[in-house]
Amino acid sequence: MREDLRRVWEPPEGQAAQRVLDDWIRRAESSGIRILVQFAHTLAAHRSGILNYYRYRISTGPLEGTNTKIRVLQRKAYGFRDREFSKLKIYGLHETRHELVGGVTGKYAKAG
């Protein structure tokens, strides 16, 4: 069932994806497996949002990544009171790819 559900993202247009999703929901509900039935009800409740992917073709992945970076920044800055500095750090998140904290020690330290 798990692999069959992934087929929702394969069709090039929404009509075929709708058929795949509806078929999966029907099969999950008729399986009698409680967790699958619950998940089928969740998918049915969010059906229009899932199928909107075919209309707009956008992903929330980048947004979720930015939200995670902000949560990590807030955890690191716990106890600081300067809101303006925090705001500037959040604005600067998209410019920073990697942050090195502290020095490298042990077997990974460069000799020389």
PDB file of N, CA and C in Angstrom:
ATOM      1  N   MET A   1       0.827  -1.194   0.000  1.00  0.00           N
ATOM      2  CA  MET A   1       0.000   0.000   0.000  1.00  0.00           C
ATOM      3  C   MET A   1       0.869   1.255   0.000  1.00  0.00           C
ATOM      4  N   ARG A   2       1.981   1.179   0.730  1.00  0.00           N
ATOM      5  CA  ARG A   2       2.857   2.348   0.804  1.00  0.00           C
ATOM      6  C   ARG A   2       3.392   2.697  -0.583  1.00  0.00           C
ATOM      7  N   GLU A   3       3.852   1.693  -1.301  1.00  0.00           N
ATOM      8  CA  GLU A   3       4.400   1.945  -2.635  1.00  0.00           C
ATOM      9  C   GLU A   3       3.309   2.410  -3.605  1.00  0.00           C
ATOM     10  N   ASP A   4       2.115   1.874  -3.449  1.00  0.00           N
ATOM     11  CA  ASP A   4       1.015   2.297  -4.320  1.00  0.00           C
ATOM     12  C   ASP A   4       0.652   3.757  -4.095  1.00  0.00           C
ATOM     13  N   LEU A   5       0.751   4.213  -2.864  1.00  0.00           N
ATOM     14  CA  LEU A   5       0.424   5.610  -2.576  1.00  0.00           C
ATOM     15  C   LEU A   5       1.408   6.559  -3.259  1.00  0.00           C
ATOM     16  N   ARG A   6       2.637   6.150  -3.404  1.00  0.00           N
ATOM     17  CA  ARG A   6       3.633   6.998  -4.088  1.00  0.00           C
ATOM     18  C   ARG A   6       3.257   7.248  -5.543  1.00  0.00           C
ATOM     19  N   ARG A   7       2.451   6.388  -6.121  1.00  0.00           N
ATOM     20  CA  ARG A   7       2.038   6.544  -7.517  1.00  0.00           C
ATOM     21  C   ARG A   7       1.182   7.787  -7.737  1.00  0.00           C
ATOM     22  N   VAL A   8       0.683   8.395  -6.665  1.00  0.00           N
ATOM     23  CA  VAL A   8      -0.123   9.618  -6.794  1.00  0.00           C
ATOM     24  C   VAL A   8       0.695  10.715  -7.469  1.00  0.00           C
ATOM     25  N   TRP A   9       2.011  10.730  -7.258  1.00  0.00           N
ATOM     26  CA  TRP A   9       2.849  11.810  -7.784  1.00  0.00           C
ATOM     27  C   TRP A   9       3.372  11.524  -9.183  1.00  0.00           C
ATOM     28  N   GLU A  10       3.129  10.340  -9.726  1.00  0.00           N
ATOM     29  CA  GLU A  10       3.664   9.966 -11.036  1.00  0.00           C
ATOM     30  C   GLU A  10       2.906  10.538 -12.235  1.00  0.00           C
ATOM     31  N   PRO A  11       1.566  10.578 -12.223  1.00  0.00           N
ATOM     32  CA  PRO A  11       0.849  11.040 -13.422  1.00  0.00           C
ATOM     33  C   PRO A  11       1.189  12.493 -13.773  1.00  0.00           C
ATOM     34  N   PRO A  12       1.202  12.798 -15.070  1.00  0.00           N
ATOM     35  CA  PRO A  12       1.522  14.165 -15.484  1.00  0.00           C
ATOM     36  C   PRO A  12       0.381  15.154 -15.254  1.00  0.00           C
ATOM     37  N   GLU A  13      -0.858  14.653 -15.083  1.00  0.00           N
ATOM     38  CA  GLU A  13      -1.973  15.577 -14.861  1.00  0.00           C
ATOM     39  C   GLU A  13      -2.809  15.133 -13.664  1.00  0.00           C
ATOM     40  N   GLY A  14      -3.607  16.060 -13.166  1.00  0.00           N
ATOM     41  CA  GLY A  14      -4.357  15.852 -11.936  1.00  0.00           C
ATOM     42  C   GLY A  14      -5.466  14.824 -12.017  1.00  0.00           C
ATOM     43  N   GLN A  15      -6.082  14.649 -13.194  1.00  0.00           N
ATOM     44  CA  GLN A  15      -7.186  13.691 -13.312  1.00  0.00           C
ATOM     45  C   GLN A  15      -6.721  12.270 -13.004  1.00  0.00           C
ATOM     46  N   ALA A  16      -5.592  11.889 -13.563  1.00  0.00           N
ATOM     47  CA  ALA A  16      -5.057  10.541 -13.315  1.00  0.00           C
ATOM     48  C   ALA A  16      -4.640  10.397 -11.855  1.00  0.00           C
ATOM     49  N   ALA A  17      -4.034  11.435 -11.304  1.00  0.00           N
ATOM     50  CA  ALA A  17      -3.628  11.401  -9.893  1.00  0.00           C
ATOM     51  C   ALA A  17      -4.847  11.279  -8.997  1.00  0.00           C
ATOM     52  N   GLN A  18      -5.924  11.939  -9.362  1.00  0.00           N
ATOM     53  CA  GLN A  18      -7.162  11.857  -8.591  1.00  0.00           C
ATOM     54  C   GLN A  18      -7.688  10.425  -8.581  1.00  0.00           C
ATOM     55  N   ARG A  19      -7.634   9.761  -9.729  1.00  0.00           N
ATOM     56  CA  ARG A  19      -8.086   8.368  -9.797  1.00  0.00           C
ATOM     57  C   ARG A  19      -7.212   7.466  -8.930  1.00  0.00           C
ATOM     58  N   VAL A  20      -5.889   7.667  -8.986  1.00  0.00           N
ATOM     59  CA  VAL A  20      -4.971   6.862  -8.175  1.00  0.00           C
ATOM     60  C   VAL A  20      -5.237   7.085  -6.692  1.00  0.00           C
ATOM     61  N   LEU A  21      -5.394   8.341  -6.282  1.00  0.00           N
ATOM     62  CA  LEU A  21      -5.633   8.665  -4.877  1.00  0.00           C
ATOM     63  C   LEU A  21      -6.968   8.094  -4.392  1.00  0.00           C
ATOM     64  N   ASP A  22      -8.015   8.283  -5.178  1.00  0.00           N
ATOM     65  CA  ASP A  22      -9.329   7.769  -4.788  1.00  0.00           C
ATOM     66  C   ASP A  22      -9.318   6.246  -4.687  1.00  0.00           C
ATOM     67  N   ASP A  23      -8.630   5.593  -5.624  1.00  0.00           N
ATOM     68  CA  ASP A  23      -8.531   4.133  -5.585  1.00  0.00           C
ATOM     69  C   ASP A  23      -7.789   3.686  -4.332  1.00  0.00           C
ATOM     70  N   TRP A  24      -6.701   4.382  -3.990  1.00  0.00           N
ATOM     71  CA  TRP A  24      -5.928   4.011  -2.803  1.00  0.00           C
ATOM     72  C   TRP A  24      -6.778   4.185  -1.539  1.00  0.00           C
ATOM     73  N   ILE A  25      -7.512   5.277  -1.466  1.00  0.00           N
ATOM     74  CA  ILE A  25      -8.362   5.524  -0.297  1.00  0.00           C
ATOM     75  C   ILE A  25      -9.415   4.423  -0.161  1.00  0.00           C
ATOM     76  N   ARG A  26     -10.046   4.035  -1.268  1.00  0.00           N
ATOM     77  CA  ARG A  26     -11.050   2.959  -1.227  1.00  0.00           C
ATOM     78  C   ARG A  26     -10.435   1.639  -0.751  1.00  0.00           C
ATOM     79  N   ARG A  27      -9.262   1.300  -1.289  1.00  0.00           N
ATOM     80  CA  ARG A  27      -8.609   0.045  -0.891  1.00  0.00           C
ATOM     81  C   ARG A  27      -8.195   0.073   0.570  1.00  0.00           C
ATOM     82  N   ALA A  28      -7.700   1.217   1.044  1.00  0.00           N
ATOM     83  CA  ALA A  28      -7.285   1.328   2.448  1.00  0.00           C
ATOM     84  C   ALA A  28      -8.491   1.197   3.375  1.00  0.00           C
ATOM     85  N   GLU A  29      -9.601   1.831   3.010  1.00  0.00           N
ATOM     86  CA  GLU A  29     -10.799   1.752   3.850  1.00  0.00           C
ATOM     87  C   GLU A  29     -11.367   0.333   3.893  1.00  0.00           C
ATOM     88  N   SER A  30     -11.269  -0.379   2.778  1.00  0.00           N
ATOM     89  CA  SER A  30     -11.815  -1.742   2.744  1.00  0.00           C
ATOM     90  C   SER A  30     -10.857  -2.776   3.333  1.00  0.00           C
ATOM     91  N   SER A  31      -9.617  -2.362   3.643  1.00  0.00           N
ATOM     92  CA  SER A  31      -8.645  -3.315   4.195  1.00  0.00           C
ATOM     93  C   SER A  31      -9.004  -3.760   5.608  1.00  0.00           C
ATOM     94  N   GLY A  32      -9.689  -2.903   6.333  1.00  0.00           N
ATOM     95  CA  GLY A  32     -10.035  -3.232   7.713  1.00  0.00           C
ATOM     96  C   GLY A  32      -8.897  -3.005   8.693  1.00  0.00           C
ATOM     97  N   ILE A  33      -7.747  -2.569   8.211  1.00  0.00           N
ATOM     98  CA  ILE A  33      -6.595  -2.277   9.082  1.00  0.00           C
ATOM     99  C   ILE A  33      -6.806  -0.874   9.642  1.00  0.00           C
ATOM    100  N   ARG A  34      -6.940  -0.801  10.961  1.00  0.00           N
ATOM    101  CA  ARG A  34      -7.325   0.448  11.626  1.00  0.00           C
ATOM    102  C   ARG A  34      -6.448   1.629  11.227  1.00  0.00           C
ATOM    103  N   ILE A  35      -5.134   1.457  11.252  1.00  0.00           N
ATOM    104  CA  ILE A  35      -4.228   2.577  10.954  1.00  0.00           C
ATOM    105  C   ILE A  35      -4.364   3.025   9.499  1.00  0.00           C
ATOM    106  N   LEU A  36      -4.583   2.081   8.585  1.00  0.00           N
ATOM    107  CA  LEU A  36      -4.776   2.442   7.175  1.00  0.00           C
ATOM    108  C   LEU A  36      -6.105   3.164   6.977  1.00  0.00           C
ATOM    109  N   VAL A  37      -7.140   2.713   7.675  1.00  0.00           N
ATOM    110  CA  VAL A  37      -8.444   3.373   7.575  1.00  0.00           C
ATOM    111  C   VAL A  37      -8.348   4.810   8.084  1.00  0.00           C
ATOM    112  N   GLN A  38      -7.659   5.003   9.210  1.00  0.00           N
ATOM    113  CA  GLN A  38      -7.484   6.356   9.756  1.00  0.00           C
ATOM    114  C   GLN A  38      -6.707   7.233   8.779  1.00  0.00           C
ATOM    115  N   PHE A  39      -5.647   6.673   8.204  1.00  0.00           N
ATOM    116  CA  PHE A  39      -4.839   7.446   7.260  1.00  0.00           C
ATOM    117  C   PHE A  39      -5.641   7.762   6.003  1.00  0.00           C
ATOM    118  N   ALA A  40      -6.463   6.823   5.556  1.00  0.00           N
ATOM    119  CA  ALA A  40      -7.312   7.070   4.388  1.00  0.00           C
ATOM    120  C   ALA A  40      -8.274   8.219   4.658  1.00  0.00           C
ATOM    121  N   HIS A  41      -8.814   8.283   5.866  1.00  0.00           N
ATOM    122  CA  HIS A  41      -9.719   9.391   6.225  1.00  0.00           C
ATOM    123  C   HIS A  41      -8.961  10.728   6.229  1.00  0.00           C
ATOM    124  N   THR A  42      -7.720  10.696   6.708  1.00  0.00           N
ATOM    125  CA  THR A  42      -6.896  11.913   6.696  1.00  0.00           C
ATOM    126  C   THR A  42      -6.625  12.362   5.264  1.00  0.00           C
ATOM    127  N   LEU A  43      -6.267  11.409   4.403  1.00  0.00           N
ATOM    128  CA  LEU A  43      -6.021  11.758   3.001  1.00  0.00           C
ATOM    129  C   LEU A  43      -7.285  12.289   2.339  1.00  0.00           C
ATOM    130  N   ALA A  44      -8.409  11.678   2.638  1.00  0.00           N
ATOM    131  CA  ALA A  44      -9.672  12.137   2.050  1.00  0.00           C
ATOM    132  C   ALA A  44      -9.985  13.559   2.494  1.00  0.00           C
ATOM    133  N   ALA A  45      -9.698  13.868   3.751  1.00  0.00           N
ATOM    134  CA  ALA A  45      -9.955  15.217   4.258  1.00  0.00           C
ATOM    135  C   ALA A  45      -9.046  16.254   3.587  1.00  0.00           C
ATOM    136  N   HIS A  46      -7.850  15.837   3.183  1.00  0.00           N
ATOM    137  CA  HIS A  46      -6.879  16.757   2.566  1.00  0.00           C
ATOM    138  C   HIS A  46      -6.756  16.536   1.053  1.00  0.00           C
ATOM    139  N   ARG A  47      -7.693  15.838   0.487  1.00  0.00           N
ATOM    140  CA  ARG A  47      -7.639  15.451  -0.926  1.00  0.00           C
ATOM    141  C   ARG A  47      -7.454  16.643  -1.857  1.00  0.00           C
ATOM    142  N   SER A  48      -8.249  17.684  -1.669  1.00  0.00           N
ATOM    143  CA  SER A  48      -8.147  18.837  -2.577  1.00  0.00           C
ATOM    144  C   SER A  48      -6.780  19.512  -2.465  1.00  0.00           C
ATOM    145  N   GLY A  49      -6.231  19.595  -1.266  1.00  0.00           N
ATOM    146  CA  GLY A  49      -4.906  20.189  -1.098  1.00  0.00           C
ATOM    147  C   GLY A  49      -3.820  19.356  -1.751  1.00  0.00           C
ATOM    148  N   ILE A  50      -3.940  18.036  -1.640  1.00  0.00           N
ATOM    149  CA  ILE A  50      -2.957  17.141  -2.270  1.00  0.00           C
ATOM    150  C   ILE A  50      -3.014  17.298  -3.784  1.00  0.00           C
ATOM    151  N   LEU A  51      -4.207  17.318  -4.330  1.00  0.00           N
ATOM    152  CA  LEU A  51      -4.360  17.408  -5.784  1.00  0.00           C
ATOM    153  C   LEU A  51      -4.060  18.803  -6.327  1.00  0.00           C
ATOM    154  N   ASN A  52      -4.035  19.814  -5.466  1.00  0.00           N
ATOM    155  CA  ASN A  52      -3.655  21.162  -5.903  1.00  0.00           C
ATOM    156  C   ASN A  52      -2.210  21.213  -6.388  1.00  0.00           C
ATOM    157  N   TYR A  53      -1.414  20.242  -5.989  1.00  0.00           N
ATOM    158  CA  TYR A  53      -0.029  20.173  -6.482  1.00  0.00           C
ATOM    159  C   TYR A  53      -0.018  20.189  -8.007  1.00  0.00           C
ATOM    160  N   TYR A  54      -0.982  19.524  -8.614  1.00  0.00           N
ATOM    161  CA  TYR A  54      -1.017  19.449 -10.079  1.00  0.00           C
ATOM    162  C   TYR A  54      -1.458  20.754 -10.720  1.00  0.00           C
ATOM    163  N   ARG A  55      -2.106  21.600  -9.964  1.00  0.00           N
ATOM    164  CA  ARG A  55      -2.513  22.894 -10.495  1.00  0.00           C
ATOM    165  C   ARG A  55      -1.380  23.922 -10.368  1.00  0.00           C
ATOM    166  N   TYR A  56      -0.677  23.921  -9.245  1.00  0.00           N
ATOM    167  CA  TYR A  56       0.306  24.974  -8.971  1.00  0.00           C
ATOM    168  C   TYR A  56       1.753  24.507  -9.002  1.00  0.00           C
ATOM    169  N   ARG A  57       2.017  23.221  -8.837  1.00  0.00           N
ATOM    170  CA  ARG A  57       3.366  22.639  -8.912  1.00  0.00           C
ATOM    171  C   ARG A  57       4.392  23.361  -8.036  1.00  0.00           C
ATOM    172  N   ILE A  58       4.022  23.653  -6.811  1.00  0.00           N
ATOM    173  CA  ILE A  58       4.968  24.240  -5.880  1.00  0.00           C
ATOM    174  C   ILE A  58       5.152  23.299  -4.695  1.00  0.00           C
ATOM    175  N   SER A  59       6.276  23.442  -4.033  1.00  0.00           N
ATOM    176  CA  SER A  59       6.582  22.611  -2.879  1.00  0.00           C
ATOM    177  C   SER A  59       6.849  23.519  -1.679  1.00  0.00           C
ATOM    178  N   THR A  60       6.504  23.054  -0.502  1.00  0.00           N
ATOM    179  CA  THR A  60       6.782  23.829   0.705  1.00  0.00           C
ATOM    180  C   THR A  60       8.136  23.447   1.308  1.00  0.00           C
ATOM    181  N   GLY A  61       8.897  22.603   0.616  1.00  0.00           N
ATOM    182  CA  GLY A  61      10.197  22.165   1.127  1.00  0.00           C
ATOM    183  C   GLY A  61      11.126  23.310   1.503  1.00  0.00           C
ATOM    184  N   PRO A  62      11.365  24.286   0.606  1.00  0.00           N
ATOM    185  CA  PRO A  62      12.241  25.401   0.969  1.00  0.00           C
ATOM    186  C   PRO A  62      11.735  26.190   2.178  1.00  0.00           C
ATOM    187  N   LEU A  63      10.422  26.378   2.267  1.00  0.00           N
ATOM    188  CA  LEU A  63       9.848  27.094   3.402  1.00  0.00           C
ATOM    189  C   LEU A  63      10.080  26.319   4.699  1.00  0.00           C
ATOM    190  N   GLU A  64       9.871  24.996   4.661  1.00  0.00           N
ATOM    191  CA  GLU A  64      10.094  24.174   5.846  1.00  0.00           C
ATOM    192  C   GLU A  64      11.557  24.211   6.266  1.00  0.00           C
ATOM    193  N   GLY A  65      12.465  24.219   5.298  1.00  0.00           N
ATOM    194  CA  GLY A  65      13.890  24.317   5.610  1.00  0.00           C
ATOM    195  C   GLY A  65      14.231  25.627   6.299  1.00  0.00           C
ATOM    196  N   THR A  66      13.657  26.723   5.814  1.00  0.00           N
ATOM    197  CA  THR A  66      13.894  28.025   6.434  1.00  0.00           C
ATOM    198  C   THR A  66      13.327  28.059   7.852  1.00  0.00           C
ATOM    199  N   ASN A  67      12.133  27.494   8.044  1.00  0.00           N
ATOM    200  CA  ASN A  67      11.549  27.452   9.385  1.00  0.00           C
ATOM    201  C   ASN A  67      12.425  26.658  10.343  1.00  0.00           C
ATOM    202  N   THR A  68      12.998  25.570   9.873  1.00  0.00           N
ATOM    203  CA  THR A  68      13.900  24.770  10.715  1.00  0.00           C
ATOM    204  C   THR A  68      15.132  25.583  11.093  1.00  0.00           C
ATOM    205  N   LYS A  69      15.694  26.309  10.128  1.00  0.00           N
ATOM    206  CA  LYS A  69      16.867  27.144  10.421  1.00  0.00           C
ATOM    207  C   LYS A  69      16.533  28.203  11.469  1.00  0.00           C
ATOM    208  N   ILE A  70      15.344  28.787  11.379  1.00  0.00           N
ATOM    209  CA  ILE A  70      14.939  29.803  12.353  1.00  0.00           C
ATOM    210  C   ILE A  70      14.797  29.183  13.739  1.00  0.00           C
ATOM    211  N   ARG A  71      14.203  27.993  13.828  1.00  0.00           N
ATOM    212  CA  ARG A  71      14.070  27.331  15.135  1.00  0.00           C
ATOM    213  C   ARG A  71      15.442  27.019  15.736  1.00  0.00           C
ATOM    214  N   VAL A  72      16.397  26.568  14.918  1.00  0.00           N
ATOM    215  CA  VAL A  72      17.742  26.287  15.411  1.00  0.00           C
ATOM    216  C   VAL A  72      18.393  27.580  15.894  1.00  0.00           C
ATOM    217  N   LEU A  73      18.243  28.658  15.138  1.00  0.00           N
ATOM    218  CA  LEU A  73      18.792  29.953  15.524  1.00  0.00           C
ATOM    219  C   LEU A  73      18.206  30.404  16.856  1.00  0.00           C
ATOM    220  N   GLN A  74      16.906  30.231  17.048  1.00  0.00           N
ATOM    221  CA  GLN A  74      16.264  30.618  18.302  1.00  0.00           C
ATOM    222  C   GLN A  74      16.773  29.776  19.467  1.00  0.00           C
ATOM    223  N   ARG A  75      17.000  28.487  19.232  1.00  0.00           N
ATOM    224  CA  ARG A  75      17.525  27.632  20.288  1.00  0.00           C
ATOM    225  C   ARG A  75      18.939  28.053  20.690  1.00  0.00           C
ATOM    226  N   LYS A  76      19.763  28.380  19.680  1.00  0.00           N
ATOM    227  CA  LYS A  76      21.135  28.814  19.965  1.00  0.00           C
ATOM    228  C   LYS A  76      21.157  30.138  20.721  1.00  0.00           C
ATOM    229  N   ALA A  77      20.179  31.000  20.450  1.00  0.00           N
ATOM    230  CA  ALA A  77      20.172  32.341  21.037  1.00  0.00           C
ATOM    231  C   ALA A  77      19.322  32.407  22.301  1.00  0.00           C
ATOM    232  N   TYR A  78      19.009  31.282  22.885  1.00  0.00           N
ATOM    233  CA  TYR A  78      18.163  31.263  24.068  1.00  0.00           C
ATOM    234  C   TYR A  78      18.744  32.168  25.153  1.00  0.00           C
ATOM    235  N   GLY A  79      17.937  33.063  25.678  1.00  0.00           N
ATOM    236  CA  GLY A  79      18.368  33.955  26.746  1.00  0.00           C
ATOM    237  C   GLY A  79      18.769  35.336  26.271  1.00  0.00           C
ATOM    238  N   PHE A  80      19.064  35.495  24.985  1.00  0.00           N
ATOM    239  CA  PHE A  80      19.401  36.815  24.482  1.00  0.00           C
ATOM    240  C   PHE A  80      18.139  37.649  24.353  1.00  0.00           C
ATOM    241  N   ARG A  81      18.259  38.948  24.604  1.00  0.00           N
ATOM    242  CA  ARG A  81      17.085  39.815  24.623  1.00  0.00           C
ATOM    243  C   ARG A  81      17.009  40.787  23.444  1.00  0.00           C
ATOM    244  N   ASP A  82      18.027  40.847  22.608  1.00  0.00           N
ATOM    245  CA  ASP A  82      18.074  41.821  21.527  1.00  0.00           C
ATOM    246  C   ASP A  82      17.255  41.324  20.323  1.00  0.00           C
ATOM    247  N   ARG A  83      16.000  41.768  20.245  1.00  0.00           N
ATOM    248  CA  ARG A  83      15.108  41.323  19.165  1.00  0.00           C
ATOM    249  C   ARG A  83      15.587  41.811  17.800  1.00  0.00           C
ATOM    250  N   GLU A  84      16.135  42.999  17.733  1.00  0.00           N
ATOM    251  CA  GLU A  84      16.592  43.545  16.452  1.00  0.00           C
ATOM    252  C   GLU A  84      17.724  42.698  15.877  1.00  0.00           C
ATOM    253  N   PHE A  85      18.662  42.290  16.737  1.00  0.00           N
ATOM    254  CA  PHE A  85      19.758  41.430  16.287  1.00  0.00           C
ATOM    255  C   PHE A  85      19.214  40.079  15.808  1.00  0.00           C
ATOM    256  N   SER A  86      18.227  39.528  16.532  1.00  0.00           N
ATOM    257  CA  SER A  86      17.617  38.258  16.128  1.00  0.00           C
ATOM    258  C   SER A  86      16.967  38.387  14.756  1.00  0.00           C
ATOM    259  N   LYS A  87      16.295  39.509  14.528  1.00  0.00           N
ATOM    260  CA  LYS A  87      15.651  39.739  13.238  1.00  0.00           C
ATOM    261  C   LYS A  87      16.695  39.805  12.127  1.00  0.00           C
ATOM    262  N   LEU A  88      17.806  40.474  12.379  1.00  0.00           N
ATOM    263  CA  LEU A  88      18.874  40.556  11.383  1.00  0.00           C
ATOM    264  C   LEU A  88      19.472  39.181  11.093  1.00  0.00           C
ATOM    265  N   LYS A  89      19.622  38.351  12.129  1.00  0.00           N
ATOM    266  CA  LYS A  89      20.146  36.999  11.941  1.00  0.00           C
ATOM    267  C   LYS A  89      19.196  36.175  11.078  1.00  0.00           C
ATOM    268  N   ILE A  90      17.891  36.330  11.284  1.00  0.00           N
ATOM    269  CA  ILE A  90      16.907  35.597  10.475  1.00  0.00           C
ATOM    270  C   ILE A  90      16.977  36.058   9.023  1.00  0.00           C
ATOM    271  N   TYR A  91      17.087  37.368   8.798  1.00  0.00           N
ATOM    272  CA  TYR A  91      17.213  37.875   7.434  1.00  0.00           C
ATOM    273  C   TYR A  91      18.478  37.336   6.765  1.00  0.00           C
ATOM    274  N   GLY A  92      19.528  37.144   7.547  1.00  0.00           N
ATOM    275  CA  GLY A  92      20.795  36.667   7.001  1.00  0.00           C
ATOM    276  C   GLY A  92      20.878  35.166   6.798  1.00  0.00           C
ATOM    277  N   LEU A  93      19.862  34.425   7.220  1.00  0.00           N
ATOM    278  CA  LEU A  93      19.893  32.966   7.096  1.00  0.00           C
ATOM    279  C   LEU A  93      20.061  32.493   5.663  1.00  0.00           C
ATOM    280  N   HIS A  94      19.421  33.151   4.728  1.00  0.00           N
ATOM    281  CA  HIS A  94      19.480  32.687   3.342  1.00  0.00           C
ATOM    282  C   HIS A  94      20.852  32.907   2.722  1.00  0.00           C
ATOM    283  N   GLU A  95      21.669  33.757   3.326  1.00  0.00           N
ATOM    284  CA  GLU A  95      22.998  34.019   2.792  1.00  0.00           C
ATOM    285  C   GLU A  95      24.034  33.034   3.316  1.00  0.00           C
ATOM    286  N   THR A  96      23.737  32.375   4.431  1.00  0.00           N
ATOM    287  CA  THR A  96      24.689  31.483   5.072  1.00  0.00           C
ATOM    288  C   THR A  96      24.371  30.045   4.705  1.00  0.00           C
ATOM    289  N   ARG A  97      25.348  29.337   4.168  1.00  0.00           N
ATOM    290  CA  ARG A  97      25.153  27.923   3.818  1.00  0.00           C
ATOM    291  C   ARG A  97      25.598  27.024   4.972  1.00  0.00           C
ATOM    292  N   HIS A  98      26.777  27.294   5.516  1.00  0.00           N
ATOM    293  CA  HIS A  98      27.325  26.468   6.588  1.00  0.00           C
ATOM    294  C   HIS A  98      27.900  27.380   7.660  1.00  0.00           C
ATOM    295  N   GLU A  99      27.758  26.956   8.876  1.00  0.00           N
ATOM    296  CA  GLU A  99      28.292  27.734   9.978  1.00  0.00           C
ATOM    297  C   GLU A  99      29.243  26.839  10.759  1.00  0.00           C
ATOM    298  N   LEU A 100      30.482  27.265  10.889  1.00  0.00           N
ATOM    299  CA  LEU A 100      31.463  26.516  11.663  1.00  0.00           C
ATOM    300  C   LEU A 100      31.556  27.149  13.044  1.00  0.00           C
ATOM    301  N   VAL A 101      31.310  26.354  14.045  1.00  0.00           N
ATOM    302  CA  VAL A 101      31.350  26.839  15.415  1.00  0.00           C
ATOM    303  C   VAL A 101      32.532  26.188  16.098  1.00  0.00           C
ATOM    304  N   GLY A 102      33.401  27.002  16.669  1.00  0.00           N
ATOM    305  CA  GLY A 102      34.557  26.445  17.370  1.00  0.00           C
ATOM    306  C   GLY A 102      35.626  25.981  16.403  1.00  0.00           C
ATOM    307  N   GLY A 103      36.680  25.456  16.936  1.00  0.00           N
ATOM    308  CA  GLY A 103      37.781  24.984  16.109  1.00  0.00           C
ATOM    309  C   GLY A 103      37.672  23.497  15.857  1.00  0.00           C
ATOM    310  N   VAL A 104      38.404  23.030  14.890  1.00  0.00           N
ATOM    311  CA  VAL A 104      38.438  21.605  14.576  1.00  0.00           C
ATOM    312  C   VAL A 104      39.558  20.982  15.386  1.00  0.00           C
ATOM    313  N   THR A 105      39.242  19.915  16.102  1.00  0.00           N
ATOM    314  CA  THR A 105      40.245  19.263  16.929  1.00  0.00           C
ATOM    315  C   THR A 105      40.277  17.781  16.615  1.00  0.00           C
ATOM    316  N   GLY A 106      41.223  17.112  17.189  1.00  0.00           N
ATOM    317  CA  GLY A 106      41.304  15.663  17.050  1.00  0.00           C
ATOM    318  C   GLY A 106      41.834  15.263  15.705  1.00  0.00           C
ATOM    319  N   LYS A 107      41.407  14.112  15.213  1.00  0.00           N
ATOM    320  CA  LYS A 107      41.967  13.561  13.979  1.00  0.00           C
ATOM    321  C   LYS A 107      41.577  14.347  12.747  1.00  0.00           C
ATOM    322  N   TYR A 108      40.583  15.267  12.844  1.00  0.00           N
ATOM    323  CA  TYR A 108      40.179  16.061  11.695  1.00  0.00           C
ATOM    324  C   TYR A 108      40.910  17.390  11.604  1.00  0.00           C
ATOM    325  N   ALA A 109      41.732  17.704  12.581  1.00  0.00           N
ATOM    326  CA  ALA A 109      42.480  18.968  12.558  1.00  0.00           C
ATOM    327  C   ALA A 109      43.563  18.882  11.484  1.00  0.00           C
ATOM    328  N   LYS A 110      43.756  19.984  10.770  1.00  0.00           N
ATOM    329  CA  LYS A 110      44.794  20.029   9.743  1.00  0.00           C
ATOM    330  C   LYS A 110      46.157  20.212  10.401  1.00  0.00           C
ATOM    331  N   ALA A 111      47.059  19.397   9.975  1.00  0.00           N
ATOM    332  CA  ALA A 111      48.433  19.550  10.473  1.00  0.00           C
ATOM    333  C   ALA A 111      49.124  20.586   9.600  1.00  0.00           C
ATOM    334  N   GLY A 112      49.855  21.430  10.247  1.00  0.00           N
ATOM    335  CA  GLY A 112      50.606  22.309   9.369  1.00  0.00           C
ATOM    336  C   GLY A 112      50.682  23.651   9.882  1.00  0.00           C
TER     337      GLY A 112
END
